[in-house]
C-alpha atoms as a PDB file:
ATOM      1  CA  MET A   1       4.321  -6.771  25.419  1.00  0.00           C
ATOM      2  CA  ALA A   2       6.421  -6.279  22.305  1.00  0.00           C
ATOM      3  CA  LEU A   3       7.007 -10.038  22.029  1.00  0.00           C
ATOM      4  CA  MET A   4       3.283 -10.745  22.379  1.00  0.00           C
ATOM      5  CA  LEU A   5       2.633  -8.200  19.674  1.00  0.00           C
ATOM      6  CA  MET A   6       5.207  -9.791  17.376  1.00  0.00           C
ATOM      7  CA  ASP A   7       3.649 -13.235  17.901  1.00  0.00           C
ATOM      8  CA  ALA A   8       0.177 -11.869  17.157  1.00  0.00           C
ATOM      9  CA  ARG A   9       1.421 -10.167  14.003  1.00  0.00           C
ATOM     10  CA  GLN A  10       3.164 -13.328  12.793  1.00  0.00           C
ATOM     11  CA  ALA A  11      -0.021 -15.349  13.333  1.00  0.00           C
ATOM     12  CA  ARG A  12      -2.028 -12.727  11.452  1.00  0.00           C
ATOM     13  CA  MET A  13       0.516 -12.746   8.628  1.00  0.00           C
ATOM     14  CA  VAL A  14       0.072 -16.518   8.219  1.00  0.00           C
ATOM     15  CA  THR A  15      -3.662 -15.978   7.739  1.00  0.00           C
ATOM     16  CA  ILE A  16      -3.098 -13.082   5.346  1.00  0.00           C
ATOM     17  CA  ARG A  17      -0.541 -15.093   3.363  1.00  0.00           C
ATOM     18  CA  ALA A  18      -2.967 -18.026   3.023  1.00  0.00           C
ATOM     19  CA  ARG A  19      -5.773 -15.735   1.801  1.00  0.00           C
ATOM     20  CA  ARG A  20      -3.420 -14.050  -0.642  1.00  0.00           C
ATOM     21  CA  GLU A  21      -2.248 -17.392  -2.068  1.00  0.00           C
ATOM     22  CA  ARG A  22      -5.837 -18.626  -2.526  1.00  0.00           C
ATOM     23  CA  CYS A  23      -6.723 -15.409  -4.319  1.00  0.00           C
ATOM     24  CA  ARG A  24      -3.624 -15.587  -6.557  1.00  0.00           C
ATOM     25  CA  ASP A  25      -4.328 -19.201  -7.440  1.00  0.00           C
ATOM     26  CA  ALA A  26      -7.897 -18.334  -8.373  1.00  0.00           C
ATOM     27  CA  LEU A  27      -6.713 -15.434 -10.543  1.00  0.00           C
ATOM     28  CA  ARG A  28      -4.092 -17.610 -12.246  1.00  0.00           C
ATOM     29  CA  SER A  29      -6.557 -20.373 -13.046  1.00  0.00           C
ATOM     30  CA  GLY A  30      -8.370 -18.082 -15.457  1.00  0.00           C
ATOM     31  CA  ALA A  31     -11.524 -20.237 -15.343  1.00  0.00           C
ATOM     32  CA  HIS A  32     -13.859 -17.554 -14.068  1.00  0.00           C
ATOM     33  CA  SER A  33     -16.182 -14.885 -15.403  1.00  0.00           C
ATOM     34  CA  PRO A  34     -15.238 -11.196 -15.639  1.00  0.00           C
ATOM     35  CA  GLY A  35     -17.443 -10.474 -12.610  1.00  0.00           C
ATOM     36  CA  GLU A  36     -15.640 -13.148 -10.611  1.00  0.00           C
ATOM     37  CA  GLU A  37     -12.288 -11.713 -11.680  1.00  0.00           C
ATOM     38  CA  ALA A  38     -13.329  -8.248 -10.478  1.00  0.00           C
ATOM     39  CA  ARG A  39     -14.357  -9.747  -7.135  1.00  0.00           C
ATOM     40  CA  LEU A  40     -10.987 -11.493  -6.811  1.00  0.00           C
ATOM     41  CA  VAL A  41      -9.129  -8.275  -7.613  1.00  0.00           C
ATOM     42  CA  ARG A  42     -11.164  -6.421  -4.960  1.00  0.00           C
ATOM     43  CA  GLU A  43     -10.418  -9.204  -2.486  1.00  0.00           C
ATOM     44  CA  MET A  44      -6.700  -8.959  -3.280  1.00  0.00           C
ATOM     45  CA  ALA A  45      -6.821  -5.194  -2.736  1.00  0.00           C
ATOM     46  CA  GLY A  46      -8.596  -5.772   0.575  1.00  0.00           C
ATOM     47  CA  ILE A  47      -5.943  -8.275   1.624  1.00  0.00           C
ATOM     48  CA  ASN A  48      -3.235  -5.734   0.852  1.00  0.00           C
ATOM     49  CA  VAL A  49      -5.052  -3.081   2.899  1.00  0.00           C
ATOM     50  CA  VAL A  50      -5.334  -5.471   5.848  1.00  0.00           C
ATOM     51  CA  ASP A  51      -1.627  -6.234   5.528  1.00  0.00           C
ATOM     52  CA  VAL A  52      -0.681  -2.539   5.576  1.00  0.00           C
ATOM     53  CA  VAL A  53      -3.023  -1.719   8.465  1.00  0.00           C
ATOM     54  CA  THR A  54      -1.757  -4.672  10.503  1.00  0.00           C
ATOM     55  CA  TYR A  55       1.839  -3.628   9.960  1.00  0.00           C
ATOM     56  CA  THR A  56       1.054   0.012  10.785  1.00  0.00           C
ATOM     57  CA  VAL A  57      -0.707  -0.899  14.021  1.00  0.00           C
ATOM     58  CA  PHE A  58       2.183  -3.180  14.927  1.00  0.00           C
ATOM     59  CA  CYS A  59       4.671  -0.352  14.393  1.00  0.00           C
ATOM     60  CA  LEU A  60       2.586   2.181  16.298  1.00  0.00           C
ATOM     61  CA  VAL A  61       2.104  -0.086  19.298  1.00  0.00           C
ATOM     62  CA  LEU A  62       5.755  -1.055  19.270  1.00  0.00           C
ATOM     63  CA  TYR A  63       6.794   2.593  19.108  1.00  0.00           C
ATOM     64  CA  ASP A  64       4.305   3.464  21.827  1.00  0.00           C
ATOM     65  CA  SER A  65       5.775   0.834  24.106  1.00  0.00           C
ATOM     66  CA  LEU A  66       9.312   2.073  23.477  1.00  0.00           C
ATOM     67  CA  LEU A  67       8.833   5.783  22.740  1.00  0.00           C
ATOM     68  CA  THR A  68       6.347   8.460  23.605  1.00  0.00           C
ATOM     69  CA  ALA A  69       4.039   9.573  20.807  1.00  0.00           C
ATOM     70  CA  GLU A  70       6.006  12.812  20.416  1.00  0.00           C
ATOM     71  CA  GLN A  71       9.267  10.905  20.081  1.00  0.00           C
ATOM     72  CA  ALA A  72       7.745   8.557  17.506  1.00  0.00           C
ATOM     73  CA  VAL A  73       6.387  11.461  15.438  1.00  0.00           C
ATOM     74  CA  GLY A  74       9.719  13.250  15.730  1.00  0.00           C
ATOM     75  CA  HIS A  75      11.507  10.134  14.519  1.00  0.00           C
ATOM     76  CA  VAL A  76       9.176   9.757  11.531  1.00  0.00           C
ATOM     77  CA  LEU A  77       9.557  13.430  10.590  1.00  0.00           C
ATOM     78  CA  THR A  78      13.332  13.206  10.899  1.00  0.00           C
ATOM     79  CA  VAL A  79      13.439  10.192   8.591  1.00  0.00           C
ATOM     80  CA  ILE A  80      11.196  11.934   6.040  1.00  0.00           C
ATOM     81  CA  ARG A  81      13.357  15.077   6.114  1.00  0.00           C
ATOM     82  CA  GLN A  82      16.503  13.019   5.682  1.00  0.00           C
ATOM     83  CA  GLU A  83      15.013  11.211   2.685  1.00  0.00           C
ATOM     84  CA  ARG A  84      13.926  14.481   1.084  1.00  0.00           C
ATOM     85  CA  GLY A  85      17.312  16.025   1.798  1.00  0.00           C
ATOM     86  CA  ALA A  86      19.057  13.056   0.219  1.00  0.00           C
ATOM     87  CA  GLU A  87      16.867  13.340  -2.888  1.00  0.00           C
ATOM     88  CA  GLU A  88      17.578  17.073  -3.201  1.00  0.00           C
ATOM     89  CA  GLU A  89      21.275  16.470  -2.629  1.00  0.00           C
ATOM     90  CA  LYS A  90      21.313  13.973  -5.507  1.00  0.00           C
ATOM     91  CA  LYS A  91      19.794  16.605  -7.781  1.00  0.00           C
ATOM     92  CA  ARG A  92      22.351  19.235  -6.758  1.00  0.00           C
ATOM     93  CA  PRO A  93      25.755  19.042  -8.434  1.00  0.00           C
ATOM     94  CA  ILE A  94      28.612  18.848  -6.000  1.00  0.00           C
ATOM     95  CA  PRO A  95      31.057  21.811  -5.889  1.00  0.00           C
ATOM     96  CA  GLU A  96      33.774  19.902  -7.764  1.00  0.00           C
ATOM     97  CA  GLN A  97      31.361  19.183 -10.588  1.00  0.00           C
ATOM     98  CA  GLN A  98      30.313  22.838 -10.651  1.00  0.00           C
ATOM     99  CA  ARG A  99      33.954  23.929 -10.909  1.00  0.00           C
ATOM    100  CA  GLN A 100      34.603  21.480 -13.737  1.00  0.00           C
ATOM    101  CA  GLN A 101      31.495  22.654 -15.571  1.00  0.00           C
ATOM    102  CA  GLN A 102      32.611  26.278 -15.269  1.00  0.00           C
ATOM    103  CA  GLU A 103      36.087  25.413 -16.558  1.00  0.00           C
ATOM    104  CA  GLN A 104      34.605  23.550 -19.521  1.00  0.00           C
ATOM    105  CA  GLN A 105      32.353  26.500 -20.332  1.00  0.00           C
ATOM    106  CA  GLN A 106      35.309  28.895 -20.176  1.00  0.00           C
ATOM    107  CA  GLN A 107      37.373  26.646 -22.437  1.00  0.00           C
ATOM    108  CA  GLN A 108      34.529  26.446 -24.935  1.00  0.00           C
ATOM    109  CA  GLN A 109      34.185  30.226 -24.948  1.00  0.00           C
ATOM    110  CA  GLN A 110      37.917  30.671 -25.514  1.00  0.00           C
ATOM    111  CA  GLN A 111      37.874  28.172 -28.374  1.00  0.00           C
ATOM    112  CA  GLU A 112      34.910  29.928 -29.967  1.00  0.00           C
ATOM    113  CA  GLU A 113      36.641  33.310 -29.673  1.00  0.00           C
ATOM    114  CA  GLU A 114      39.830  31.931 -31.228  1.00  0.00           C
ATOM    115  CA  GLU A 115      37.850  30.380 -34.075  1.00  0.00           C
ATOM    116  CA  GLN A 116      36.086  33.679 -34.717  1.00  0.00           C
ATOM    117  CA  GLN A 117      39.406  35.543 -34.774  1.00  0.00           C
ATOM    118  CA  GLN A 118      40.838  33.026 -37.237  1.00  0.00           C
ATOM    119  CA  LYS A 119      37.795  33.368 -39.478  1.00  0.00           C
ATOM    120  CA  GLN A 120      38.078  37.149 -39.404  1.00  0.00           C
ATOM    121  CA  GLN A 121      41.748  36.978 -40.331  1.00  0.00           C
ATOM    122  CA  GLN A 122      40.997  34.634 -43.214  1.00  0.00           C
ATOM    123  CA  GLN A 123      38.159  36.820 -44.475  1.00  0.00           C
ATOM    124  CA  GLN A 124      40.238  40.006 -44.575  1.00  0.00           C
ATOM    125  CA  PRO A 125      41.720  40.432 -48.052  1.00  0.00           C
ATOM    126  CA  GLN A 126      45.442  40.240 -47.964  1.00  0.00           C
ATOM    127  CA  GLN A 127      46.936  43.475 -49.195  1.00  0.00           C
ATOM    128  CA  PRO A 128      49.797  42.948 -51.576  1.00  0.00           C
ATOM    129  CA  GLN A 129      53.022  44.435 -50.463  1.00  0.00           C
ATOM    130  CA  GLY A 130      54.209  47.163 -52.718  1.00  0.00           C
ATOM    131  CA  THR A 131      56.651  46.507 -55.520  1.00  0.00           C
ATOM    132  CA  ALA A 132      60.202  47.774 -55.407  1.00  0.00           C
ATOM    133  CA  LEU A 133      59.258  50.777 -57.618  1.00  0.00           C
ATOM    134  CA  GLU A 134      56.383  51.774 -55.315  1.00  0.00           C
ATOM    135  CA  GLN A 135      58.562  51.564 -52.258  1.00  0.00           C
ATOM    136  CA  GLY A 136      61.415  53.579 -53.689  1.00  0.00           C
END
């Protein structure tokens, strides 16, 4: 059954490909009115819809012949969750990066504190040490 389905889909794809090429050629020629161009664009959109629907039906029937509907839905949901998890994981910094970021922040804070201390020391007027007469 799966092989028959694959043959049917391949035959349908040949037809879809031929329609798509005719439509592309007509759009590329440019020798048509704006109304004709709009019709060609709608036809191209329709061809794409037929392509997607054909592929979806093919996948559903293939899954149905190999898996139960519940298994197929479970598989689809698992794939979606994995993709979302992978996207969220990319956004999250890994622990090593977090540690490095914390160390950099601490180093920056220490440098800023040292700079402030140096500025304070430079701003304080230096008191002259007493002369020998004052000390004695």
